[in-house]
Amino acid sequence: MEVITSLDNKLIKRLAKLKEKKYRDLEDIFLIETEHLIEEAYKRGLLEMLLILENEEIDFDVKKIYVTKNILNKLSFLNSNVKYIGVAHKFIPKDYGKRLLLLDNLQDPGNLGTIIRSAAAFNIDTIVLGDNCVDLYNDKVIRASEGMIFHVDCLRKNLESFIDELKTNNYLIIGTNVVNGINVSELSYPEKFAIIIGNEGQGISANILNKLDKSIYIPMNKKVESLNASVAASIIMYEMSKIDYE
């Protein structure tokens, strides 16, 4: 069994660069850790190769490269005893479905990962990230999604022009507004709709607010000023999943 031992190995130096967004964008691949995430990538056919700690084994039918502990530590984002690191392909869908979630300037990677997980649970077809959102392939996003990043279609678009496109295709554009909104549990959803979730601190930007067809709010105790973005998004998606289409 051949084992890569040098941190200066050409492949290892190339993969280490994937810890930075610009190199993930250049190569359209990214690193994943933990057996669960590796398995989810494998199920979707997106796992390109595995780096495995020498003398360990893992049962996936992909290219396997055996390395030392020092190399895994160099590539790992985690402060734990990592035995496997996967290299996965990005998946960029060519189209989008009828039930969309649009994210406007969402910045927290944990929020995005949680939203992806909830979108999978509540049957959102496609998540659309605005140009100014956190990177989809940030390691914290991937871990927070619990592997659902490999099962929910995600696109990145300029939201203003994309919303205009949706409107021409008869999508209902829905956003949150505590002042003039409809109770989220009372809104009737058409066959095609897009729900917009805004920035953690500022909410939906003014230029996007002007494009809404309907506004909704989540009723809650007045002692609480606002909800975490991922919590609010999850509640809205859950309510959406309960209501029959018109």
C-alpha atoms as a PDB file:
ATOM      1  CA  MET A   1       0.000   0.000   0.000  1.00  0.00           C
ATOM      2  CA  GLU A   2       1.495   3.321  -1.085  1.00  0.00           C
ATOM      3  CA  VAL A   3       1.152   6.115   1.489  1.00  0.00           C
ATOM      4  CA  ILE A   4       1.656   9.819   0.836  1.00  0.00           C
ATOM      5  CA  THR A   5       3.779  11.181   3.650  1.00  0.00           C
ATOM      6  CA  SER A   6       4.912  14.618   2.464  1.00  0.00           C
ATOM      7  CA  LEU A   7       2.979  17.824   3.056  1.00  0.00           C
ATOM      8  CA  ASP A   8       4.688  19.140  -0.072  1.00  0.00           C
ATOM      9  CA  ASN A   9       3.103  16.491  -2.274  1.00  0.00           C
ATOM     10  CA  LYS A  10       1.563  18.170  -5.336  1.00  0.00           C
ATOM     11  CA  LEU A  11      -1.918  16.688  -4.778  1.00  0.00           C
ATOM     12  CA  ILE A  12      -1.945  17.535  -1.082  1.00  0.00           C
ATOM     13  CA  LYS A  13      -0.931  21.141  -1.738  1.00  0.00           C
ATOM     14  CA  ARG A  14      -3.689  21.395  -4.354  1.00  0.00           C
ATOM     15  CA  LEU A  15      -6.326  19.976  -2.003  1.00  0.00           C
ATOM     16  CA  ALA A  16      -5.218  22.201   0.880  1.00  0.00           C
ATOM     17  CA  LYS A  17      -6.087  25.228  -1.248  1.00  0.00           C
ATOM     18  CA  LEU A  18      -9.725  24.058  -1.258  1.00  0.00           C
ATOM     19  CA  LYS A  19     -10.046  25.442   2.259  1.00  0.00           C
ATOM     20  CA  GLU A  20     -10.349  28.815   0.500  1.00  0.00           C
ATOM     21  CA  LYS A  21     -13.477  29.781  -1.443  1.00  0.00           C
ATOM     22  CA  LYS A  22     -11.633  31.085  -4.509  1.00  0.00           C
ATOM     23  CA  TYR A  23     -10.010  27.697  -5.141  1.00  0.00           C
ATOM     24  CA  ARG A  24     -13.283  25.822  -4.565  1.00  0.00           C
ATOM     25  CA  ASP A  25     -14.815  28.088  -7.188  1.00  0.00           C
ATOM     26  CA  LEU A  26     -11.947  27.514  -9.610  1.00  0.00           C
ATOM     27  CA  GLU A  27     -12.046  23.725  -9.366  1.00  0.00           C
ATOM     28  CA  ASP A  28     -15.732  23.106  -8.566  1.00  0.00           C
ATOM     29  CA  ILE A  29     -14.764  20.634  -5.842  1.00  0.00           C
ATOM     30  CA  PHE A  30     -14.679  20.851  -2.053  1.00  0.00           C
ATOM     31  CA  LEU A  31     -13.568  18.908   1.021  1.00  0.00           C
ATOM     32  CA  ILE A  32     -15.886  16.977   3.335  1.00  0.00           C
ATOM     33  CA  GLU A  33     -15.295  15.218   6.630  1.00  0.00           C
ATOM     34  CA  THR A  34     -17.025  12.557   8.763  1.00  0.00           C
ATOM     35  CA  GLU A  35     -18.283   9.231   7.468  1.00  0.00           C
ATOM     36  CA  HIS A  36     -21.878  10.479   7.387  1.00  0.00           C
ATOM     37  CA  LEU A  37     -21.156  13.381   5.024  1.00  0.00           C
ATOM     38  CA  ILE A  38     -18.940  11.183   2.864  1.00  0.00           C
ATOM     39  CA  GLU A  39     -21.744   8.611   2.613  1.00  0.00           C
ATOM     40  CA  GLU A  40     -24.303  11.266   1.612  1.00  0.00           C
ATOM     41  CA  ALA A  41     -21.990  12.572  -1.118  1.00  0.00           C
ATOM     42  CA  TYR A  42     -21.425   9.019  -2.333  1.00  0.00           C
ATOM     43  CA  LYS A  43     -25.192   8.343  -2.518  1.00  0.00           C
ATOM     44  CA  ARG A  44     -25.598  11.361  -4.793  1.00  0.00           C
ATOM     45  CA  GLY A  45     -22.674  10.284  -6.990  1.00  0.00           C
ATOM     46  CA  LEU A  46     -20.637  13.371  -6.091  1.00  0.00           C
ATOM     47  CA  LEU A  47     -17.716  11.764  -4.267  1.00  0.00           C
ATOM     48  CA  GLU A  48     -14.553  11.978  -6.414  1.00  0.00           C
ATOM     49  CA  MET A  49     -11.897  10.553  -4.085  1.00  0.00           C
ATOM     50  CA  LEU A  50     -11.118   9.665  -0.494  1.00  0.00           C
ATOM     51  CA  LEU A  51      -8.038  10.421   1.546  1.00  0.00           C
ATOM     52  CA  ILE A  52      -7.714   7.693   4.159  1.00  0.00           C
ATOM     53  CA  LEU A  53      -5.472   7.424   7.195  1.00  0.00           C
ATOM     54  CA  GLU A  54      -2.880   4.712   6.625  1.00  0.00           C
ATOM     55  CA  ASN A  55      -3.976   1.278   7.918  1.00  0.00           C
ATOM     56  CA  GLU A  56      -7.667   2.332   7.931  1.00  0.00           C
ATOM     57  CA  GLU A  57     -10.373   1.151   5.494  1.00  0.00           C
ATOM     58  CA  ILE A  58     -13.721   2.485   4.336  1.00  0.00           C
ATOM     59  CA  ASP A  59     -16.079   0.762   1.901  1.00  0.00           C
ATOM     60  CA  PHE A  60     -16.750   3.198  -0.935  1.00  0.00           C
ATOM     61  CA  ASP A  61     -16.086   2.441  -4.588  1.00  0.00           C
ATOM     62  CA  VAL A  62     -14.054   5.561  -5.407  1.00  0.00           C
ATOM     63  CA  LYS A  63     -10.390   6.437  -5.832  1.00  0.00           C
ATOM     64  CA  LYS A  64      -8.621   5.961  -2.467  1.00  0.00           C
ATOM     65  CA  ILE A  65      -5.406   7.659  -1.418  1.00  0.00           C
ATOM     66  CA  TYR A  66      -3.676   6.663   1.804  1.00  0.00           C
ATOM     67  CA  VAL A  67      -2.004   9.423   3.790  1.00  0.00           C
ATOM     68  CA  THR A  68      -0.420  10.115   7.153  1.00  0.00           C
ATOM     69  CA  LYS A  69      -2.062  11.763  10.139  1.00  0.00           C
ATOM     70  CA  ASN A  70      -0.130  14.984   9.521  1.00  0.00           C
ATOM     71  CA  ILE A  71      -1.657  15.294   6.076  1.00  0.00           C
ATOM     72  CA  LEU A  72      -5.198  14.739   7.326  1.00  0.00           C
ATOM     73  CA  ASN A  73      -4.594  17.358  10.013  1.00  0.00           C
ATOM     74  CA  LYS A  74      -3.445  19.816   7.360  1.00  0.00           C
ATOM     75  CA  LEU A  75      -6.616  19.293   5.310  1.00  0.00           C
ATOM     76  CA  SER A  76      -9.085  19.027   8.191  1.00  0.00           C
ATOM     77  CA  PHE A  77     -11.329  21.825   9.444  1.00  0.00           C
ATOM     78  CA  LEU A  78     -12.065  19.883  12.632  1.00  0.00           C
ATOM     79  CA  ASN A  79     -10.156  19.631  15.891  1.00  0.00           C
ATOM     80  CA  SER A  80     -10.680  15.898  16.228  1.00  0.00           C
ATOM     81  CA  ASN A  81      -9.174  12.595  15.162  1.00  0.00           C
ATOM     82  CA  VAL A  82     -10.088  12.548  11.478  1.00  0.00           C
ATOM     83  CA  LYS A  83      -9.584   9.264   9.613  1.00  0.00           C
ATOM     84  CA  TYR A  84     -11.152  10.158   6.264  1.00  0.00           C
ATOM     85  CA  ILE A  85     -11.513  13.271   4.122  1.00  0.00           C
ATOM     86  CA  GLY A  86     -13.561  13.223   0.945  1.00  0.00           C
ATOM     87  CA  VAL A  87     -13.286  15.335  -2.182  1.00  0.00           C
ATOM     88  CA  ALA A  88     -16.737  16.046  -3.619  1.00  0.00           C
ATOM     89  CA  HIS A  89     -17.955  17.654  -6.826  1.00  0.00           C
ATOM     90  CA  LYS A  90     -20.214  20.664  -6.692  1.00  0.00           C
ATOM     91  CA  PHE A  91     -23.648  19.983  -8.153  1.00  0.00           C
ATOM     92  CA  ILE A  92     -25.257  22.876 -10.014  1.00  0.00           C
ATOM     93  CA  PRO A  93     -28.802  22.089 -11.192  1.00  0.00           C
ATOM     94  CA  LYS A  94     -29.753  23.286 -14.653  1.00  0.00           C
ATOM     95  CA  ASP A  95     -33.300  24.195 -13.684  1.00  0.00           C
ATOM     96  CA  TYR A  96     -35.412  24.974 -10.637  1.00  0.00           C
ATOM     97  CA  GLY A  97     -38.663  23.582  -9.319  1.00  0.00           C
ATOM     98  CA  LYS A  98     -41.995  25.051  -8.269  1.00  0.00           C
ATOM     99  CA  ARG A  99     -41.397  25.503  -4.520  1.00  0.00           C
ATOM    100  CA  LEU A 100     -38.472  27.859  -4.071  1.00  0.00           C
ATOM    101  CA  LEU A 101     -36.656  29.404  -1.121  1.00  0.00           C
ATOM    102  CA  LEU A 102     -34.709  32.570  -1.915  1.00  0.00           C
ATOM    103  CA  LEU A 103     -32.014  33.788   0.501  1.00  0.00           C
ATOM    104  CA  ASP A 104     -31.183  37.495   0.485  1.00  0.00           C
ATOM    105  CA  ASN A 105     -27.775  38.340   1.988  1.00  0.00           C
ATOM    106  CA  LEU A 106     -27.793  35.490   4.512  1.00  0.00           C
ATOM    107  CA  GLN A 107     -24.364  35.553   6.175  1.00  0.00           C
ATOM    108  CA  ASP A 108     -24.184  32.962   8.926  1.00  0.00           C
ATOM    109  CA  PRO A 109     -22.984  29.538   7.679  1.00  0.00           C
ATOM    110  CA  GLY A 110     -24.759  27.718  10.507  1.00  0.00           C
ATOM    111  CA  ASN A 111     -28.043  29.356   9.506  1.00  0.00           C
ATOM    112  CA  LEU A 112     -27.612  28.344   5.879  1.00  0.00           C
ATOM    113  CA  GLY A 113     -26.807  24.744   6.783  1.00  0.00           C
ATOM    114  CA  THR A 114     -29.844  24.515   9.053  1.00  0.00           C
ATOM    115  CA  ILE A 115     -32.083  26.039   6.370  1.00  0.00           C
ATOM    116  CA  ILE A 116     -30.861  23.454   3.849  1.00  0.00           C
ATOM    117  CA  ARG A 117     -31.708  20.673   6.298  1.00  0.00           C
ATOM    118  CA  SER A 118     -35.202  22.083   6.894  1.00  0.00           C
ATOM    119  CA  ALA A 119     -35.737  22.567   3.147  1.00  0.00           C
ATOM    120  CA  ALA A 120     -35.114  18.860   2.658  1.00  0.00           C
ATOM    121  CA  ALA A 121     -37.536  18.028   5.475  1.00  0.00           C
ATOM    122  CA  PHE A 122     -40.335  20.241   4.146  1.00  0.00           C
ATOM    123  CA  ASN A 123     -40.051  19.508   0.410  1.00  0.00           C
ATOM    124  CA  ILE A 124     -38.577  22.707  -0.984  1.00  0.00           C
ATOM    125  CA  ASP A 125     -37.520  22.018  -4.570  1.00  0.00           C
ATOM    126  CA  THR A 126     -34.710  24.557  -4.921  1.00  0.00           C
ATOM    127  CA  ILE A 127     -32.825  26.993  -2.697  1.00  0.00           C
ATOM    128  CA  VAL A 128     -31.612  30.115  -4.499  1.00  0.00           C
ATOM    129  CA  LEU A 129     -28.790  32.059  -2.850  1.00  0.00           C
ATOM    130  CA  GLY A 130     -28.382  35.722  -3.705  1.00  0.00           C
ATOM    131  CA  ASP A 131     -25.006  36.951  -4.935  1.00  0.00           C
ATOM    132  CA  ASN A 132     -24.160  38.330  -1.490  1.00  0.00           C
ATOM    133  CA  CYS A 133     -24.901  35.186   0.572  1.00  0.00           C
ATOM    134  CA  VAL A 134     -22.354  33.116   2.469  1.00  0.00           C
ATOM    135  CA  ASP A 135     -20.561  30.465   0.392  1.00  0.00           C
ATOM    136  CA  LEU A 136     -22.643  27.311   0.002  1.00  0.00           C
ATOM    137  CA  TYR A 137     -19.505  25.154   0.347  1.00  0.00           C
ATOM    138  CA  ASN A 138     -18.215  26.719   3.538  1.00  0.00           C
ATOM    139  CA  ASP A 139     -17.293  23.812   5.829  1.00  0.00           C
ATOM    140  CA  LYS A 140     -19.651  25.049   8.575  1.00  0.00           C
ATOM    141  CA  VAL A 141     -22.547  25.124   6.089  1.00  0.00           C
ATOM    142  CA  ILE A 142     -21.819  21.558   5.018  1.00  0.00           C
ATOM    143  CA  ARG A 143     -21.664  20.250   8.590  1.00  0.00           C
ATOM    144  CA  ALA A 144     -24.784  22.135   9.726  1.00  0.00           C
ATOM    145  CA  SER A 145     -26.734  20.696   6.796  1.00  0.00           C
ATOM    146  CA  GLU A 146     -26.071  17.172   8.152  1.00  0.00           C
ATOM    147  CA  GLY A 147     -25.471  15.959   4.597  1.00  0.00           C
ATOM    148  CA  MET A 148     -28.662  17.444   3.135  1.00  0.00           C
ATOM    149  CA  ILE A 149     -26.549  19.775   0.999  1.00  0.00           C
ATOM    150  CA  PHE A 150     -26.221  16.728  -1.282  1.00  0.00           C
ATOM    151  CA  HIS A 151     -29.998  16.269  -1.534  1.00  0.00           C
ATOM    152  CA  VAL A 152     -31.376  19.791  -2.013  1.00  0.00           C
ATOM    153  CA  ASP A 153     -30.826  21.618  -5.307  1.00  0.00           C
ATOM    154  CA  CYS A 154     -29.090  24.962  -4.720  1.00  0.00           C
ATOM    155  CA  LEU A 155     -28.437  27.782  -7.178  1.00  0.00           C
ATOM    156  CA  ARG A 156     -26.766  31.188  -6.913  1.00  0.00           C
ATOM    157  CA  LYS A 157     -28.480  34.060  -8.731  1.00  0.00           C
ATOM    158  CA  ASN A 158     -28.864  37.806  -8.793  1.00  0.00           C
ATOM    159  CA  LEU A 159     -32.136  37.907  -6.882  1.00  0.00           C
ATOM    160  CA  GLU A 160     -33.558  41.070  -8.441  1.00  0.00           C
ATOM    161  CA  SER A 161     -33.365  39.773 -12.002  1.00  0.00           C
ATOM    162  CA  PHE A 162     -34.289  36.237 -10.939  1.00  0.00           C
ATOM    163  CA  ILE A 163     -37.458  37.447  -9.190  1.00  0.00           C
ATOM    164  CA  ASP A 164     -38.416  39.297 -12.369  1.00  0.00           C
ATOM    165  CA  GLU A 165     -37.966  36.014 -14.254  1.00  0.00           C
ATOM    166  CA  LEU A 166     -40.128  34.189 -11.725  1.00  0.00           C
ATOM    167  CA  LYS A 167     -42.879  36.765 -12.006  1.00  0.00           C
ATOM    168  CA  THR A 168     -43.040  36.328 -15.777  1.00  0.00           C
ATOM    169  CA  ASN A 169     -43.498  32.598 -15.093  1.00  0.00           C
ATOM    170  CA  ASN A 170     -46.386  33.157 -12.659  1.00  0.00           C
ATOM    171  CA  TYR A 171     -44.593  32.486  -9.376  1.00  0.00           C
ATOM    172  CA  LEU A 172     -46.039  34.105  -6.264  1.00  0.00           C
ATOM    173  CA  ILE A 173     -43.266  36.049  -4.473  1.00  0.00           C
ATOM    174  CA  ILE A 174     -43.625  35.911  -0.674  1.00  0.00           C
ATOM    175  CA  GLY A 175     -41.568  37.631   2.028  1.00  0.00           C
ATOM    176  CA  THR A 176     -41.768  38.431   5.732  1.00  0.00           C
ATOM    177  CA  ASN A 177     -43.226  41.676   7.041  1.00  0.00           C
ATOM    178  CA  VAL A 178     -44.446  41.989  10.635  1.00  0.00           C
ATOM    179  CA  VAL A 179     -46.331  45.230   9.910  1.00  0.00           C
ATOM    180  CA  ASN A 180     -48.469  44.430   6.881  1.00  0.00           C
ATOM    181  CA  GLY A 181     -48.129  40.671   6.638  1.00  0.00           C
ATOM    182  CA  ILE A 182     -50.625  37.807   6.652  1.00  0.00           C
ATOM    183  CA  ASN A 183     -50.363  35.190   9.386  1.00  0.00           C
ATOM    184  CA  VAL A 184     -48.116  32.506   7.887  1.00  0.00           C
ATOM    185  CA  SER A 185     -50.627  29.789   8.796  1.00  0.00           C
ATOM    186  CA  GLU A 186     -53.414  31.542   6.875  1.00  0.00           C
ATOM    187  CA  LEU A 187     -51.764  32.086   3.504  1.00  0.00           C
ATOM    188  CA  SER A 188     -52.985  29.971   0.595  1.00  0.00           C
ATOM    189  CA  TYR A 189     -50.111  28.850  -1.620  1.00  0.00           C
ATOM    190  CA  PRO A 190     -50.417  28.490  -5.411  1.00  0.00           C
ATOM    191  CA  GLU A 191     -48.670  25.768  -7.369  1.00  0.00           C
ATOM    192  CA  LYS A 192     -45.578  27.915  -7.972  1.00  0.00           C
ATOM    193  CA  PHE A 193     -44.142  30.208  -5.304  1.00  0.00           C
ATOM    194  CA  ALA A 194     -40.916  31.635  -3.903  1.00  0.00           C
ATOM    195  CA  ILE A 195     -40.397  32.429  -0.219  1.00  0.00           C
ATOM    196  CA  ILE A 196     -37.725  35.040   0.565  1.00  0.00           C
ATOM    197  CA  ILE A 197     -35.644  34.983   3.765  1.00  0.00           C
ATOM    198  CA  GLY A 198     -33.562  38.072   4.488  1.00  0.00           C
ATOM    199  CA  ASN A 199     -30.357  38.951   6.270  1.00  0.00           C
ATOM    200  CA  GLU A 200     -29.995  38.007   9.947  1.00  0.00           C
ATOM    201  CA  GLY A 201     -29.837  41.618  11.130  1.00  0.00           C
ATOM    202  CA  GLN A 202     -31.409  43.732   8.391  1.00  0.00           C
ATOM    203  CA  GLY A 203     -34.073  41.423   6.971  1.00  0.00           C
ATOM    204  CA  ILE A 204     -35.048  41.577   3.310  1.00  0.00           C
ATOM    205  CA  SER A 205     -33.349  44.392   1.398  1.00  0.00           C
ATOM    206  CA  ALA A 206     -35.499  47.315   0.218  1.00  0.00           C
ATOM    207  CA  ASN A 207     -35.080  46.566  -3.494  1.00  0.00           C
ATOM    208  CA  ILE A 208     -36.359  43.031  -2.917  1.00  0.00           C
ATOM    209  CA  LEU A 209     -39.215  44.108  -0.631  1.00  0.00           C
ATOM    210  CA  ASN A 210     -40.606  46.174  -3.483  1.00  0.00           C
ATOM    211  CA  LYS A 211     -41.008  43.025  -5.571  1.00  0.00           C
ATOM    212  CA  LEU A 212     -43.126  41.044  -3.078  1.00  0.00           C
ATOM    213  CA  ASP A 213     -46.622  39.900  -4.053  1.00  0.00           C
ATOM    214  CA  LYS A 214     -47.542  38.802  -0.512  1.00  0.00           C
ATOM    215  CA  SER A 215     -46.102  39.458   2.941  1.00  0.00           C
ATOM    216  CA  ILE A 216     -46.334  37.058   5.876  1.00  0.00           C
ATOM    217  CA  TYR A 217     -45.483  37.108   9.565  1.00  0.00           C
ATOM    218  CA  ILE A 218     -45.032  34.510  12.303  1.00  0.00           C
ATOM    219  CA  PRO A 219     -47.238  35.248  15.331  1.00  0.00           C
ATOM    220  CA  MET A 220     -45.269  35.043  18.588  1.00  0.00           C
ATOM    221  CA  ASN A 221     -44.983  36.407  22.116  1.00  0.00           C
ATOM    222  CA  LYS A 222     -44.399  40.176  22.024  1.00  0.00           C
ATOM    223  CA  LYS A 223     -41.560  39.804  24.503  1.00  0.00           C
ATOM    224  CA  VAL A 224     -39.532  38.320  21.649  1.00  0.00           C
ATOM    225  CA  GLU A 225     -38.445  40.907  19.095  1.00  0.00           C
ATOM    226  CA  SER A 226     -37.388  38.504  16.346  1.00  0.00           C
ATOM    227  CA  LEU A 227     -36.423  34.927  15.534  1.00  0.00           C
ATOM    228  CA  ASN A 228     -33.156  33.512  14.278  1.00  0.00           C
ATOM    229  CA  ALA A 229     -33.225  33.434  10.454  1.00  0.00           C
ATOM    230  CA  SER A 230     -32.985  29.649  10.248  1.00  0.00           C
ATOM    231  CA  VAL A 231     -35.709  29.191  12.877  1.00  0.00           C
ATOM    232  CA  ALA A 232     -38.039  31.591  11.057  1.00  0.00           C
ATOM    233  CA  ALA A 233     -37.330  29.934   7.710  1.00  0.00           C
ATOM    234  CA  SER A 234     -38.000  26.482   9.172  1.00  0.00           C
ATOM    235  CA  ILE A 235     -41.346  27.564  10.654  1.00  0.00           C
ATOM    236  CA  ILE A 236     -42.426  29.129   7.361  1.00  0.00           C
ATOM    237  CA  MET A 237     -41.438  26.026   5.382  1.00  0.00           C
ATOM    238  CA  TYR A 238     -43.278  23.799   7.849  1.00  0.00           C
ATOM    239  CA  GLU A 239     -46.450  25.886   7.572  1.00  0.00           C
ATOM    240  CA  MET A 240     -46.111  25.857   3.784  1.00  0.00           C
ATOM    241  CA  SER A 241     -45.877  22.066   3.786  1.00  0.00           C
ATOM    242  CA  LYS A 242     -49.198  21.723   5.688  1.00  0.00           C
ATOM    243  CA  ILE A 243     -51.333  23.813   3.365  1.00  0.00           C
ATOM    244  CA  ASP A 244     -53.004  22.363   0.286  1.00  0.00           C
ATOM    245  CA  TYR A 245     -52.260  24.087  -2.989  1.00  0.00           C
ATOM    246  CA  GLU A 246     -54.998  26.141  -4.611  1.00  0.00           C
END
